[in-house]
Amino acid sequence: MANPEVLTKLRKELKDAGITATTPSDQLEWWKLERLPYLFGCVHEAVRLAHGIATRSPRVAPDTELVYKDYVIPRGTPVSMTNVDILMNEEIYPEPKRFKPERWVGNPGLEKYFVPFTKGSRQCLGLK
């Protein structure tokens, strides 16, 4: 709403897909909404910028050393990161504080850096 250009693009995409303010909610099908690229970008940008918990979630391999490229991490060493370090990284997301849905359109490689709910075994249970 604060960015009229984004709002105009989103409304156009929804209108072109046959979705209007008067469309009954029982006629909205998730699979159709998920295929709208600009809506996908708007949702991802909103979640990226409102990333929620920013605490570390350390993981420890108590019984074995971890090897990453040329690095060896000794057993029992806590390893962690915050999702904010990724979600606000300027190298991954140029102008990270700006709401730019376009960054997601036609850029499937960006999805691997979308970590507001973490990844792997500690991912949000609602996503599994």
C-alpha atoms as a PDB file:
ATOM      1  CA  MET A   1       0.000   0.000   0.000  1.00  0.00           C
ATOM      2  CA  ALA A   2       2.929   2.341   0.693  1.00  0.00           C
ATOM      3  CA  ASN A   3       4.322   1.758  -2.807  1.00  0.00           C
ATOM      4  CA  PRO A   4       1.716   2.627  -5.467  1.00  0.00           C
ATOM      5  CA  GLU A   5       3.803   1.080  -8.269  1.00  0.00           C
ATOM      6  CA  VAL A   6       3.915  -2.303  -6.510  1.00  0.00           C
ATOM      7  CA  LEU A   7       0.215  -2.108  -5.675  1.00  0.00           C
ATOM      8  CA  THR A   8      -0.673  -1.306  -9.294  1.00  0.00           C
ATOM      9  CA  LYS A   9       1.386  -4.251 -10.630  1.00  0.00           C
ATOM     10  CA  LEU A  10      -0.098  -6.646  -8.089  1.00  0.00           C
ATOM     11  CA  ARG A  11      -3.676  -5.541  -8.767  1.00  0.00           C
ATOM     12  CA  LYS A  12      -3.107  -5.897 -12.516  1.00  0.00           C
ATOM     13  CA  GLU A  13      -1.755  -9.425 -12.123  1.00  0.00           C
ATOM     14  CA  LEU A  14      -4.708 -10.402  -9.925  1.00  0.00           C
ATOM     15  CA  LYS A  15      -7.196  -8.828 -12.335  1.00  0.00           C
ATOM     16  CA  ASP A  16      -5.580 -10.560 -15.324  1.00  0.00           C
ATOM     17  CA  ALA A  17      -5.950 -13.849 -13.429  1.00  0.00           C
ATOM     18  CA  GLY A  18      -9.649 -13.146 -12.895  1.00  0.00           C
ATOM     19  CA  ILE A  19      -9.309 -12.334  -9.207  1.00  0.00           C
ATOM     20  CA  THR A  20     -11.030  -9.173  -8.019  1.00  0.00           C
ATOM     21  CA  ALA A  21     -12.119  -7.686  -4.704  1.00  0.00           C
ATOM     22  CA  THR A  22     -15.550  -9.192  -5.337  1.00  0.00           C
ATOM     23  CA  THR A  23     -14.281 -12.718  -6.068  1.00  0.00           C
ATOM     24  CA  PRO A  24     -15.798 -15.016  -3.418  1.00  0.00           C
ATOM     25  CA  SER A  25     -13.143 -16.665  -1.261  1.00  0.00           C
ATOM     26  CA  ASP A  26     -14.596 -20.091  -2.057  1.00  0.00           C
ATOM     27  CA  GLN A  27     -13.558 -19.549  -5.697  1.00  0.00           C
ATOM     28  CA  LEU A  28      -9.904 -18.828  -4.856  1.00  0.00           C
ATOM     29  CA  GLU A  29      -7.778 -21.885  -5.458  1.00  0.00           C
ATOM     30  CA  TRP A  30      -4.280 -22.037  -3.936  1.00  0.00           C
ATOM     31  CA  TRP A  31      -2.694 -23.627  -6.970  1.00  0.00           C
ATOM     32  CA  LYS A  32      -3.831 -20.675  -9.108  1.00  0.00           C
ATOM     33  CA  LEU A  33      -2.539 -18.110  -6.621  1.00  0.00           C
ATOM     34  CA  GLU A  34       0.814 -19.887  -6.295  1.00  0.00           C
ATOM     35  CA  ARG A  35       1.371 -19.541 -10.045  1.00  0.00           C
ATOM     36  CA  LEU A  36       1.129 -15.745 -10.004  1.00  0.00           C
ATOM     37  CA  PRO A  37       4.761 -14.581 -10.141  1.00  0.00           C
ATOM     38  CA  TYR A  38       4.308 -11.052  -8.824  1.00  0.00           C
ATOM     39  CA  LEU A  39       2.080 -12.211  -5.958  1.00  0.00           C
ATOM     40  CA  PHE A  40       4.744 -14.847  -5.170  1.00  0.00           C
ATOM     41  CA  GLY A  41       7.339 -12.053  -5.086  1.00  0.00           C
ATOM     42  CA  CYS A  42       5.182  -9.845  -2.854  1.00  0.00           C
ATOM     43  CA  VAL A  43       4.612 -12.645  -0.355  1.00  0.00           C
ATOM     44  CA  HIS A  44       8.290 -13.620  -0.295  1.00  0.00           C
ATOM     45  CA  GLU A  45       9.420 -10.011   0.156  1.00  0.00           C
ATOM     46  CA  ALA A  46       6.922  -9.444   2.972  1.00  0.00           C
ATOM     47  CA  VAL A  47       8.077 -12.567   4.806  1.00  0.00           C
ATOM     48  CA  ARG A  48      11.765 -11.816   4.126  1.00  0.00           C
ATOM     49  CA  LEU A  49      11.464  -8.340   5.623  1.00  0.00           C
ATOM     50  CA  ALA A  50       9.303  -9.472   8.571  1.00  0.00           C
ATOM     51  CA  HIS A  51      11.600 -12.378   9.364  1.00  0.00           C
ATOM     52  CA  GLY A  52      10.518 -12.901  12.974  1.00  0.00           C
ATOM     53  CA  ILE A  53      12.933 -14.594  15.348  1.00  0.00           C
ATOM     54  CA  ALA A  54      16.521 -13.465  14.914  1.00  0.00           C
ATOM     55  CA  THR A  55      18.222 -15.633  17.520  1.00  0.00           C
ATOM     56  CA  ARG A  56      20.808 -18.250  16.739  1.00  0.00           C
ATOM     57  CA  SER A  57      19.816 -21.894  16.551  1.00  0.00           C
ATOM     58  CA  PRO A  58      23.089 -23.705  17.261  1.00  0.00           C
ATOM     59  CA  ARG A  59      23.708 -27.244  16.118  1.00  0.00           C
ATOM     60  CA  VAL A  60      26.329 -29.566  17.505  1.00  0.00           C
ATOM     61  CA  ALA A  61      27.761 -32.785  16.084  1.00  0.00           C
ATOM     62  CA  PRO A  62      28.804 -34.468  19.359  1.00  0.00           C
ATOM     63  CA  ASP A  63      30.309 -37.625  17.892  1.00  0.00           C
ATOM     64  CA  THR A  64      32.084 -36.601  14.719  1.00  0.00           C
ATOM     65  CA  GLU A  65      34.061 -33.826  13.079  1.00  0.00           C
ATOM     66  CA  LEU A  66      32.267 -31.857  10.401  1.00  0.00           C
ATOM     67  CA  VAL A  67      34.047 -31.175   7.127  1.00  0.00           C
ATOM     68  CA  TYR A  68      33.075 -28.245   4.950  1.00  0.00           C
ATOM     69  CA  LYS A  69      35.295 -27.686   1.908  1.00  0.00           C
ATOM     70  CA  ASP A  70      38.792 -27.289   3.390  1.00  0.00           C
ATOM     71  CA  TYR A  71      37.531 -26.635   6.918  1.00  0.00           C
ATOM     72  CA  VAL A  72      37.296 -29.170   9.724  1.00  0.00           C
ATOM     73  CA  ILE A  73      34.969 -28.287  12.601  1.00  0.00           C
ATOM     74  CA  PRO A  74      35.876 -30.260  15.743  1.00  0.00           C
ATOM     75  CA  ARG A  75      33.205 -32.494  17.297  1.00  0.00           C
ATOM     76  CA  GLY A  76      31.158 -30.751  19.980  1.00  0.00           C
ATOM     77  CA  THR A  77      31.616 -27.282  18.446  1.00  0.00           C
ATOM     78  CA  PRO A  78      28.378 -25.277  18.261  1.00  0.00           C
ATOM     79  CA  VAL A  79      27.760 -23.949  14.748  1.00  0.00           C
ATOM     80  CA  SER A  80      25.032 -21.417  14.025  1.00  0.00           C
ATOM     81  CA  MET A  81      23.871 -18.386  12.099  1.00  0.00           C
ATOM     82  CA  THR A  82      20.916 -16.033  12.257  1.00  0.00           C
ATOM     83  CA  ASN A  83      18.391 -15.883   9.479  1.00  0.00           C
ATOM     84  CA  VAL A  84      18.797 -12.079   9.452  1.00  0.00           C
ATOM     85  CA  ASP A  85      22.417 -12.526   8.317  1.00  0.00           C
ATOM     86  CA  ILE A  86      21.097 -14.158   5.160  1.00  0.00           C
ATOM     87  CA  LEU A  87      17.805 -12.307   4.634  1.00  0.00           C
ATOM     88  CA  MET A  88      19.452  -8.873   4.851  1.00  0.00           C
ATOM     89  CA  ASN A  89      22.688  -9.755   3.019  1.00  0.00           C
ATOM     90  CA  GLU A  90      23.390  -7.113   0.374  1.00  0.00           C
ATOM     91  CA  GLU A  91      25.259  -9.580  -1.839  1.00  0.00           C
ATOM     92  CA  ILE A  92      22.207 -11.851  -2.019  1.00  0.00           C
ATOM     93  CA  TYR A  93      19.494  -9.179  -1.859  1.00  0.00           C
ATOM     94  CA  PRO A  94      20.706  -5.846  -3.296  1.00  0.00           C
ATOM     95  CA  GLU A  95      19.046  -3.010  -1.384  1.00  0.00           C
ATOM     96  CA  PRO A  96      17.909  -5.486   1.297  1.00  0.00           C
ATOM     97  CA  LYS A  97      15.759  -2.984   3.203  1.00  0.00           C
ATOM     98  CA  ARG A  98      13.699  -2.164   0.103  1.00  0.00           C
ATOM     99  CA  PHE A  99      10.498  -4.041  -0.713  1.00  0.00           C
ATOM    100  CA  LYS A 100      11.268  -5.333  -4.220  1.00  0.00           C
ATOM    101  CA  PRO A 101       8.976  -8.198  -5.326  1.00  0.00           C
ATOM    102  CA  GLU A 102      10.662  -8.164  -8.739  1.00  0.00           C
ATOM    103  CA  ARG A 103      13.770  -9.785  -7.255  1.00  0.00           C
ATOM    104  CA  TRP A 104      11.808 -13.067  -6.975  1.00  0.00           C
ATOM    105  CA  VAL A 105      10.257 -13.054 -10.451  1.00  0.00           C
ATOM    106  CA  GLY A 106      12.175 -15.364 -12.755  1.00  0.00           C
ATOM    107  CA  ASN A 107      14.893 -15.967 -10.160  1.00  0.00           C
ATOM    108  CA  PRO A 108      14.397 -19.512  -8.792  1.00  0.00           C
ATOM    109  CA  GLY A 109      17.973 -19.630  -7.449  1.00  0.00           C
ATOM    110  CA  LEU A 110      17.049 -17.054  -4.815  1.00  0.00           C
ATOM    111  CA  GLU A 111      14.767 -19.569  -3.089  1.00  0.00           C
ATOM    112  CA  LYS A 112      17.718 -21.358  -1.455  1.00  0.00           C
ATOM    113  CA  TYR A 113      18.469 -18.154   0.484  1.00  0.00           C
ATOM    114  CA  PHE A 114      14.882 -17.782   1.697  1.00  0.00           C
ATOM    115  CA  VAL A 115      15.377 -18.777   5.344  1.00  0.00           C
ATOM    116  CA  PRO A 116      12.841 -16.889   7.501  1.00  0.00           C
ATOM    117  CA  PHE A 117      11.690 -20.245   8.884  1.00  0.00           C
ATOM    118  CA  THR A 118      15.210 -21.751   8.825  1.00  0.00           C
ATOM    119  CA  LYS A 119      15.953 -24.907   6.844  1.00  0.00           C
ATOM    120  CA  GLY A 120      16.620 -28.583   7.395  1.00  0.00           C
ATOM    121  CA  SER A 121      15.733 -30.496  10.541  1.00  0.00           C
ATOM    122  CA  ARG A 122      14.971 -27.315  12.493  1.00  0.00           C
ATOM    123  CA  GLN A 123      12.680 -25.814   9.892  1.00  0.00           C
ATOM    124  CA  CYS A 124       9.313 -24.510  11.083  1.00  0.00           C
ATOM    125  CA  LEU A 125       7.044 -27.496  11.742  1.00  0.00           C
ATOM    126  CA  GLY A 126       4.208 -25.835   9.844  1.00  0.00           C
ATOM    127  CA  LEU A 127       6.199 -26.130   6.612  1.00  0.00           C
ATOM    128  CA  LYS A 128       6.971 -29.831   6.846  1.00  0.00           C
END
